[in-house]
Amino acid sequence: MFIDHIDKGTGALVVSSMLDFLTFALCAPYSETTDGTHFDTLLSMVADKGRQLFRLFQHTSLAIVKGAGLLMKAIIEEGEARNFCKDAGIIFS
């Protein structure tokens, strides 16, 4: 549902709520209380949706843009090198 709303450009409240949840689960300092296995699984799931996250940088709501930026920062800082390379490929393609 989250990705469908991003693709269609609808459901700003749903997208914002999901970004808030993911921010609290993955971004520092909130992520310190997230279990390690859940953190790794969730981080890889979010990293797989990199192209949709980049679309959020063009959203009209600054809160959504900020949330997407925080998630991308967490993916780059906490993710494995292959996730970063995949995201960098999206940036430069």
N, C-alpha and C. Protein backbone atom coordinates (compact mmCIF):
# COMPACT_ATOMS: atom_id res chain seq x y z
N MET A 1 0.83 -1.18 0.00
CA MET A 1 0.00 0.00 0.00
C MET A 1 0.88 1.26 0.00
N PHE A 2 1.95 1.23 0.77
CA PHE A 2 2.87 2.36 0.87
C PHE A 2 3.48 2.67 -0.50
N ILE A 3 3.98 1.66 -1.17
CA ILE A 3 4.61 1.83 -2.48
C ILE A 3 3.58 2.24 -3.53
N ASP A 4 2.37 1.68 -3.45
CA ASP A 4 1.32 2.07 -4.40
C ASP A 4 1.01 3.56 -4.31
N HIS A 5 0.94 4.08 -3.08
CA HIS A 5 0.67 5.51 -2.91
C HIS A 5 1.83 6.36 -3.42
N ILE A 6 3.05 5.89 -3.23
CA ILE A 6 4.19 6.64 -3.74
C ILE A 6 4.15 6.67 -5.26
N ASP A 7 3.88 5.52 -5.88
CA ASP A 7 3.85 5.44 -7.34
C ASP A 7 2.75 6.31 -7.94
N LYS A 8 1.60 6.38 -7.28
CA LYS A 8 0.46 7.14 -7.80
C LYS A 8 0.48 8.61 -7.38
N GLY A 9 1.31 8.95 -6.38
CA GLY A 9 1.35 10.32 -5.90
C GLY A 9 0.16 10.67 -5.03
N THR A 10 -0.43 9.67 -4.39
CA THR A 10 -1.59 9.90 -3.54
C THR A 10 -1.26 9.51 -2.10
N GLY A 11 -2.21 9.71 -1.20
CA GLY A 11 -2.10 9.23 0.16
C GLY A 11 -0.95 9.83 0.95
N ALA A 12 -0.85 11.15 0.95
CA ALA A 12 0.26 11.80 1.65
C ALA A 12 0.27 11.47 3.13
N LEU A 13 -0.89 11.32 3.74
CA LEU A 13 -0.94 10.98 5.17
C LEU A 13 -0.45 9.56 5.42
N VAL A 14 -0.79 8.65 4.53
CA VAL A 14 -0.32 7.27 4.66
C VAL A 14 1.20 7.21 4.48
N VAL A 15 1.69 7.91 3.46
CA VAL A 15 3.13 7.93 3.19
C VAL A 15 3.87 8.57 4.37
N SER A 16 3.34 9.67 4.88
CA SER A 16 3.96 10.35 6.00
C SER A 16 3.99 9.46 7.25
N SER A 17 2.90 8.77 7.50
CA SER A 17 2.84 7.87 8.66
C SER A 17 3.83 6.73 8.53
N MET A 18 3.94 6.15 7.35
CA MET A 18 4.89 5.06 7.14
C MET A 18 6.32 5.56 7.27
N LEU A 19 6.60 6.74 6.75
CA LEU A 19 7.93 7.31 6.89
C LEU A 19 8.27 7.56 8.35
N ASP A 20 7.30 8.02 9.13
CA ASP A 20 7.53 8.21 10.57
C ASP A 20 7.86 6.89 11.25
N PHE A 21 7.11 5.85 10.93
CA PHE A 21 7.38 4.53 11.50
C PHE A 21 8.78 4.05 11.14
N LEU A 22 9.13 4.16 9.86
CA LEU A 22 10.44 3.70 9.41
C LEU A 22 11.56 4.55 10.00
N THR A 23 11.31 5.84 10.18
CA THR A 23 12.31 6.71 10.81
C THR A 23 12.58 6.27 12.24
N PHE A 24 11.53 5.98 12.99
CA PHE A 24 11.71 5.56 14.38
C PHE A 24 12.33 4.17 14.48
N ALA A 25 12.16 3.35 13.46
CA ALA A 25 12.73 2.00 13.49
C ALA A 25 14.17 1.96 12.98
N LEU A 26 14.53 2.87 12.06
CA LEU A 26 15.82 2.74 11.38
C LEU A 26 16.80 3.89 11.61
N CYS A 27 16.33 5.05 11.97
CA CYS A 27 17.21 6.21 12.03
C CYS A 27 17.67 6.48 13.46
N ALA A 28 18.95 6.90 13.56
CA ALA A 28 19.52 7.24 14.86
C ALA A 28 18.85 8.50 15.38
N PRO A 29 18.67 8.68 16.64
CA PRO A 29 19.00 7.81 17.77
C PRO A 29 17.90 6.82 18.13
N TYR A 30 16.79 6.87 17.41
CA TYR A 30 15.65 6.02 17.74
C TYR A 30 15.94 4.54 17.50
N SER A 31 16.76 4.24 16.53
CA SER A 31 16.99 2.85 16.13
C SER A 31 17.77 2.05 17.17
N GLU A 32 18.31 2.71 18.18
CA GLU A 32 19.08 2.00 19.20
C GLU A 32 18.22 1.00 19.98
N THR A 33 16.93 1.20 20.00
CA THR A 33 16.05 0.28 20.72
C THR A 33 15.44 -0.78 19.81
N THR A 34 15.73 -0.73 18.52
CA THR A 34 15.21 -1.72 17.57
C THR A 34 16.08 -2.98 17.64
N ASP A 35 15.44 -4.14 17.73
CA ASP A 35 16.16 -5.42 17.75
C ASP A 35 17.00 -5.55 16.49
N GLY A 36 18.20 -6.11 16.63
CA GLY A 36 19.15 -6.20 15.53
C GLY A 36 18.64 -6.94 14.32
N THR A 37 17.98 -8.08 14.54
CA THR A 37 17.48 -8.85 13.40
C THR A 37 16.35 -8.11 12.68
N HIS A 38 15.48 -7.48 13.46
CA HIS A 38 14.40 -6.69 12.85
C HIS A 38 14.99 -5.50 12.09
N PHE A 39 16.00 -4.88 12.68
CA PHE A 39 16.63 -3.74 12.04
C PHE A 39 17.22 -4.13 10.69
N ASP A 40 17.98 -5.22 10.65
CA ASP A 40 18.61 -5.65 9.40
C ASP A 40 17.59 -6.03 8.35
N THR A 41 16.54 -6.74 8.76
CA THR A 41 15.49 -7.15 7.82
C THR A 41 14.76 -5.93 7.26
N LEU A 42 14.38 -5.03 8.14
CA LEU A 42 13.65 -3.84 7.71
C LEU A 42 14.52 -2.94 6.83
N LEU A 43 15.79 -2.83 7.18
CA LEU A 43 16.69 -2.00 6.38
C LEU A 43 16.85 -2.55 4.97
N SER A 44 16.98 -3.86 4.85
CA SER A 44 17.11 -4.44 3.50
C SER A 44 15.81 -4.31 2.72
N MET A 45 14.67 -4.42 3.38
CA MET A 45 13.39 -4.25 2.69
C MET A 45 13.23 -2.82 2.17
N VAL A 46 13.63 -1.85 2.99
CA VAL A 46 13.53 -0.45 2.57
C VAL A 46 14.54 -0.16 1.46
N ALA A 47 15.75 -0.72 1.56
CA ALA A 47 16.77 -0.49 0.54
C ALA A 47 16.35 -1.04 -0.82
N ASP A 48 15.55 -2.11 -0.82
CA ASP A 48 15.06 -2.67 -2.08
C ASP A 48 14.09 -1.73 -2.79
N LYS A 49 13.52 -0.80 -2.07
CA LYS A 49 12.55 0.15 -2.64
C LYS A 49 13.19 1.52 -2.87
N GLY A 50 14.48 1.52 -3.18
CA GLY A 50 15.23 2.77 -3.33
C GLY A 50 14.66 3.72 -4.36
N ARG A 51 14.24 3.19 -5.50
CA ARG A 51 13.72 4.06 -6.56
C ARG A 51 12.47 4.82 -6.09
N GLN A 52 11.60 4.15 -5.37
CA GLN A 52 10.40 4.83 -4.86
C GLN A 52 10.76 5.88 -3.81
N LEU A 53 11.78 5.59 -2.99
CA LEU A 53 12.20 6.58 -2.00
C LEU A 53 12.75 7.83 -2.67
N PHE A 54 13.48 7.66 -3.77
CA PHE A 54 13.98 8.82 -4.48
C PHE A 54 12.86 9.66 -5.07
N ARG A 55 11.76 9.05 -5.42
CA ARG A 55 10.60 9.82 -5.92
C ARG A 55 10.06 10.77 -4.87
N LEU A 56 10.22 10.39 -3.60
CA LEU A 56 9.69 11.22 -2.51
C LEU A 56 10.44 12.54 -2.37
N PHE A 57 11.63 12.65 -2.92
CA PHE A 57 12.37 13.91 -2.85
C PHE A 57 11.69 15.00 -3.68
N GLN A 58 10.77 14.63 -4.56
CA GLN A 58 10.04 15.61 -5.38
C GLN A 58 8.65 15.92 -4.81
N HIS A 59 8.35 15.37 -3.64
CA HIS A 59 7.03 15.57 -3.04
C HIS A 59 6.88 17.01 -2.57
N THR A 60 5.66 17.50 -2.55
CA THR A 60 5.41 18.89 -2.14
C THR A 60 5.48 19.08 -0.63
N SER A 61 5.32 18.01 0.14
CA SER A 61 5.38 18.11 1.60
C SER A 61 6.83 17.99 2.07
N LEU A 62 7.30 19.01 2.77
CA LEU A 62 8.67 19.00 3.26
C LEU A 62 8.89 17.91 4.31
N ALA A 63 7.86 17.55 5.05
CA ALA A 63 7.99 16.48 6.04
C ALA A 63 8.27 15.14 5.35
N ILE A 64 7.64 14.91 4.22
CA ILE A 64 7.87 13.67 3.47
C ILE A 64 9.27 13.67 2.86
N VAL A 65 9.70 14.81 2.35
CA VAL A 65 11.05 14.91 1.79
C VAL A 65 12.09 14.66 2.88
N LYS A 66 11.87 15.24 4.05
CA LYS A 66 12.81 15.05 5.16
C LYS A 66 12.84 13.60 5.61
N GLY A 67 11.68 12.96 5.70
CA GLY A 67 11.61 11.55 6.09
C GLY A 67 12.33 10.65 5.09
N ALA A 68 12.16 10.93 3.81
CA ALA A 68 12.85 10.15 2.79
C ALA A 68 14.36 10.36 2.88
N GLY A 69 14.78 11.58 3.16
CA GLY A 69 16.20 11.86 3.32
C GLY A 69 16.81 11.14 4.51
N LEU A 70 16.08 11.10 5.62
CA LEU A 70 16.57 10.39 6.80
C LEU A 70 16.69 8.89 6.53
N LEU A 71 15.73 8.34 5.80
CA LEU A 71 15.81 6.92 5.47
C LEU A 71 16.98 6.63 4.54
N MET A 72 17.20 7.48 3.55
CA MET A 72 18.33 7.27 2.65
C MET A 72 19.65 7.38 3.40
N LYS A 73 19.72 8.29 4.35
CA LYS A 73 20.92 8.43 5.16
C LYS A 73 21.16 7.16 5.98
N ALA A 74 20.09 6.60 6.55
CA ALA A 74 20.23 5.36 7.33
C ALA A 74 20.67 4.20 6.44
N ILE A 75 20.13 4.14 5.22
CA ILE A 75 20.52 3.06 4.30
C ILE A 75 22.00 3.17 3.96
N ILE A 76 22.46 4.38 3.71
CA ILE A 76 23.86 4.57 3.34
C ILE A 76 24.78 4.30 4.52
N GLU A 77 24.41 4.78 5.70
CA GLU A 77 25.28 4.62 6.87
C GLU A 77 25.26 3.22 7.46
N GLU A 78 24.10 2.60 7.51
CA GLU A 78 23.95 1.33 8.21
C GLU A 78 23.91 0.12 7.30
N GLY A 79 23.61 0.35 6.03
CA GLY A 79 23.46 -0.76 5.11
C GLY A 79 24.78 -1.34 4.67
N GLU A 80 24.70 -2.46 4.01
CA GLU A 80 25.88 -3.11 3.47
C GLU A 80 26.34 -2.37 2.22
N ALA A 81 27.55 -2.63 1.80
CA ALA A 81 28.12 -1.94 0.65
C ALA A 81 27.30 -2.19 -0.62
N ARG A 82 26.74 -3.40 -0.76
CA ARG A 82 25.97 -3.69 -1.98
C ARG A 82 24.71 -2.85 -2.05
N ASN A 83 24.08 -2.57 -0.91
CA ASN A 83 22.90 -1.71 -0.91
C ASN A 83 23.26 -0.30 -1.34
N PHE A 84 24.38 0.19 -0.86
CA PHE A 84 24.81 1.54 -1.23
C PHE A 84 25.11 1.62 -2.71
N CYS A 85 25.80 0.61 -3.23
CA CYS A 85 26.14 0.60 -4.66
C CYS A 85 24.88 0.57 -5.51
N LYS A 86 23.89 -0.20 -5.07
CA LYS A 86 22.64 -0.27 -5.83
C LYS A 86 21.95 1.10 -5.82
N ASP A 87 21.93 1.77 -4.65
CA ASP A 87 21.31 3.09 -4.57
C ASP A 87 22.10 4.13 -5.37
N ALA A 88 23.43 4.02 -5.35
CA ALA A 88 24.24 4.95 -6.12
C ALA A 88 24.00 4.76 -7.61
N GLY A 89 23.76 3.51 -8.02
CA GLY A 89 23.43 3.25 -9.43
C GLY A 89 22.14 3.92 -9.84
N ILE A 90 21.20 3.99 -8.93
CA ILE A 90 19.94 4.68 -9.21
C ILE A 90 20.18 6.17 -9.34
N ILE A 91 21.07 6.71 -8.52
CA ILE A 91 21.33 8.15 -8.54
C ILE A 91 21.96 8.54 -9.87
N PHE A 92 22.93 7.77 -10.31
CA PHE A 92 23.70 8.15 -11.47
C PHE A 92 23.15 7.63 -12.80
N SER A 93 22.06 6.89 -12.75
CA SER A 93 21.50 6.39 -14.02
C SER A 93 20.51 7.36 -14.62
